[in-house]
Amino acid sequence: MPCAVLRYVTHRITQHPDTDVTFEAECLHCAWTANPSEDGAAVDVECMGHTGRSGHRGFRRMCTSFVMVTRDGTEAGPALSSGEDLARGQLRRPSGRT
């Protein structure tokens, strides 16, 4: 009978080194959306401006970041696994998401 050997390896999740965090917002009352930005405060200011013009006070804010899972003790290198593309400094979202 074969013998199985179990090995447990600690992993960490870190921000992907070739990407930035992107902030977005959309109005809950109409089709308005803020311009995506790396500056969260800029998106907040756009939301406040929309409220001033429209009276709409509800927004959905999104913060998108890309991460890598690495084995503890190894560096997150620039090599990307299959299925990951760099597009203008950011990874593309999976095709099923908008």
C-alpha atoms as a PDB file:
ATOM      1  CA  MET A   1       0.000   0.000   0.000  1.00  0.00           C
ATOM      2  CA  PRO A   2       1.477   3.413  -0.997  1.00  0.00           C
ATOM      3  CA  CYS A   3       2.340   5.852   1.765  1.00  0.00           C
ATOM      4  CA  ALA A   4       1.294   9.507   1.448  1.00  0.00           C
ATOM      5  CA  VAL A   5       3.448  12.329   2.730  1.00  0.00           C
ATOM      6  CA  LEU A   6       1.688  15.545   3.671  1.00  0.00           C
ATOM      7  CA  ARG A   7       3.630  18.782   3.583  1.00  0.00           C
ATOM      8  CA  TYR A   8       2.187  22.047   4.790  1.00  0.00           C
ATOM      9  CA  VAL A   9       3.541  25.260   3.337  1.00  0.00           C
ATOM     10  CA  THR A  10       2.738  28.738   4.639  1.00  0.00           C
ATOM     11  CA  HIS A  11       1.539  31.180   1.995  1.00  0.00           C
ATOM     12  CA  ARG A  12       1.149  34.957   2.006  1.00  0.00           C
ATOM     13  CA  ILE A  13      -0.991  37.265  -0.093  1.00  0.00           C
ATOM     14  CA  THR A  14       0.604  40.543  -1.223  1.00  0.00           C
ATOM     15  CA  GLN A  15      -0.172  43.439  -3.536  1.00  0.00           C
ATOM     16  CA  HIS A  16       0.963  42.619  -7.081  1.00  0.00           C
ATOM     17  CA  PRO A  17       4.121  44.692  -7.669  1.00  0.00           C
ATOM     18  CA  ASP A  18       3.143  45.794 -11.202  1.00  0.00           C
ATOM     19  CA  THR A  19      -0.292  47.212 -10.322  1.00  0.00           C
ATOM     20  CA  ASP A  20      -1.931  50.000  -8.322  1.00  0.00           C
ATOM     21  CA  VAL A  21      -5.162  50.190  -6.350  1.00  0.00           C
ATOM     22  CA  THR A  22      -8.049  51.686  -8.354  1.00  0.00           C
ATOM     23  CA  PHE A  23     -11.016  53.460  -6.769  1.00  0.00           C
ATOM     24  CA  GLU A  24     -14.418  53.731  -8.491  1.00  0.00           C
ATOM     25  CA  ALA A  25     -17.935  54.834  -7.562  1.00  0.00           C
ATOM     26  CA  GLU A  26     -21.416  54.677  -9.058  1.00  0.00           C
ATOM     27  CA  CYS A  27     -24.660  56.362  -8.105  1.00  0.00           C
ATOM     28  CA  LEU A  28     -27.385  54.128  -6.668  1.00  0.00           C
ATOM     29  CA  HIS A  29     -30.120  56.335  -8.169  1.00  0.00           C
ATOM     30  CA  CYS A  30     -28.981  56.852 -11.774  1.00  0.00           C
ATOM     31  CA  ALA A  31     -26.364  55.661 -14.271  1.00  0.00           C
ATOM     32  CA  TRP A  32     -23.693  58.202 -13.187  1.00  0.00           C
ATOM     33  CA  THR A  33     -20.195  56.845 -12.486  1.00  0.00           C
ATOM     34  CA  ALA A  34     -17.039  58.537 -11.232  1.00  0.00           C
ATOM     35  CA  ASN A  35     -13.861  58.408 -13.271  1.00  0.00           C
ATOM     36  CA  PRO A  36     -11.691  55.532 -11.963  1.00  0.00           C
ATOM     37  CA  SER A  37      -8.655  56.879 -10.123  1.00  0.00           C
ATOM     38  CA  GLU A  38      -5.700  55.783  -8.022  1.00  0.00           C
ATOM     39  CA  ASP A  39      -6.701  58.601  -5.634  1.00  0.00           C
ATOM     40  CA  GLY A  40      -9.688  57.637  -3.468  1.00  0.00           C
ATOM     41  CA  ALA A  41     -10.231  61.242  -2.349  1.00  0.00           C
ATOM     42  CA  ALA A  42     -10.660  62.365  -5.965  1.00  0.00           C
ATOM     43  CA  VAL A  43     -13.464  59.821  -6.425  1.00  0.00           C
ATOM     44  CA  ASP A  44     -15.109  61.024  -3.194  1.00  0.00           C
ATOM     45  CA  VAL A  45     -15.017  64.632  -4.464  1.00  0.00           C
ATOM     46  CA  GLU A  46     -16.704  63.530  -7.703  1.00  0.00           C
ATOM     47  CA  CYS A  47     -19.446  61.828  -5.654  1.00  0.00           C
ATOM     48  CA  MET A  48     -20.008  65.005  -3.619  1.00  0.00           C
ATOM     49  CA  GLY A  49     -20.195  67.035  -6.826  1.00  0.00           C
ATOM     50  CA  HIS A  50     -22.802  64.641  -8.218  1.00  0.00           C
ATOM     51  CA  THR A  51     -24.806  64.993  -5.002  1.00  0.00           C
ATOM     52  CA  GLY A  52     -24.696  68.781  -5.342  1.00  0.00           C
ATOM     53  CA  ARG A  53     -25.965  68.646  -8.924  1.00  0.00           C
ATOM     54  CA  SER A  54     -28.533  65.867  -8.589  1.00  0.00           C
ATOM     55  CA  GLY A  55     -29.456  65.513  -4.913  1.00  0.00           C
ATOM     56  CA  HIS A  56     -28.561  61.808  -5.101  1.00  0.00           C
ATOM     57  CA  ARG A  57     -26.874  60.744  -1.859  1.00  0.00           C
ATOM     58  CA  GLY A  58     -26.289  56.993  -2.249  1.00  0.00           C
ATOM     59  CA  PHE A  59     -23.200  55.582  -3.951  1.00  0.00           C
ATOM     60  CA  ARG A  60     -21.456  52.270  -4.338  1.00  0.00           C
ATOM     61  CA  ARG A  61     -17.677  52.655  -3.930  1.00  0.00           C
ATOM     62  CA  MET A  62     -15.286  50.017  -5.212  1.00  0.00           C
ATOM     63  CA  CYS A  63     -11.619  49.545  -4.481  1.00  0.00           C
ATOM     64  CA  THR A  64      -9.894  47.156  -6.877  1.00  0.00           C
ATOM     65  CA  SER A  65      -6.460  45.700  -6.273  1.00  0.00           C
ATOM     66  CA  PHE A  66      -4.553  42.772  -7.681  1.00  0.00           C
ATOM     67  CA  VAL A  67      -2.668  40.409  -5.436  1.00  0.00           C
ATOM     68  CA  MET A  68      -0.320  37.469  -5.632  1.00  0.00           C
ATOM     69  CA  VAL A  69      -0.146  34.420  -3.392  1.00  0.00           C
ATOM     70  CA  THR A  70       3.419  33.372  -2.675  1.00  0.00           C
ATOM     71  CA  ARG A  71       5.033  30.746  -0.534  1.00  0.00           C
ATOM     72  CA  ASP A  72       6.385  32.171   2.690  1.00  0.00           C
ATOM     73  CA  GLY A  73      10.025  33.079   2.276  1.00  0.00           C
ATOM     74  CA  THR A  74       9.889  33.640  -1.503  1.00  0.00           C
ATOM     75  CA  GLU A  75       9.708  36.935  -3.345  1.00  0.00           C
ATOM     76  CA  ALA A  76       6.786  37.915  -5.583  1.00  0.00           C
ATOM     77  CA  GLY A  77       8.608  38.091  -8.891  1.00  0.00           C
ATOM     78  CA  PRO A  78       7.499  39.766 -12.091  1.00  0.00           C
ATOM     79  CA  ALA A  79       6.676  36.448 -13.751  1.00  0.00           C
ATOM     80  CA  LEU A  80       2.942  36.013 -14.237  1.00  0.00           C
ATOM     81  CA  SER A  81       1.173  32.699 -14.382  1.00  0.00           C
ATOM     82  CA  SER A  82      -0.817  31.742 -17.470  1.00  0.00           C
ATOM     83  CA  GLY A  83      -4.107  33.592 -17.746  1.00  0.00           C
ATOM     84  CA  GLU A  84      -2.680  36.854 -16.380  1.00  0.00           C
ATOM     85  CA  ASP A  85      -1.905  39.736 -18.733  1.00  0.00           C
ATOM     86  CA  LEU A  86      -0.429  43.135 -18.107  1.00  0.00           C
ATOM     87  CA  ALA A  87      -2.388  45.912 -19.731  1.00  0.00           C
ATOM     88  CA  ARG A  88      -1.148  49.461 -19.161  1.00  0.00           C
ATOM     89  CA  GLY A  89       0.316  48.588 -15.774  1.00  0.00           C
ATOM     90  CA  GLN A  90      -2.650  46.631 -14.469  1.00  0.00           C
ATOM     91  CA  LEU A  91      -3.863  43.086 -14.749  1.00  0.00           C
ATOM     92  CA  ARG A  92      -6.984  42.585 -16.804  1.00  0.00           C
ATOM     93  CA  ARG A  93     -10.138  41.564 -15.014  1.00  0.00           C
ATOM     94  CA  PRO A  94     -11.507  38.100 -15.747  1.00  0.00           C
ATOM     95  CA  SER A  95     -13.743  38.203 -18.823  1.00  0.00           C
ATOM     96  CA  GLY A  96     -16.894  37.366 -16.855  1.00  0.00           C
ATOM     97  CA  ARG A  97     -16.732  40.603 -14.814  1.00  0.00           C
ATOM     98  CA  THR A  98     -17.539  44.174 -15.775  1.00  0.00           C
END
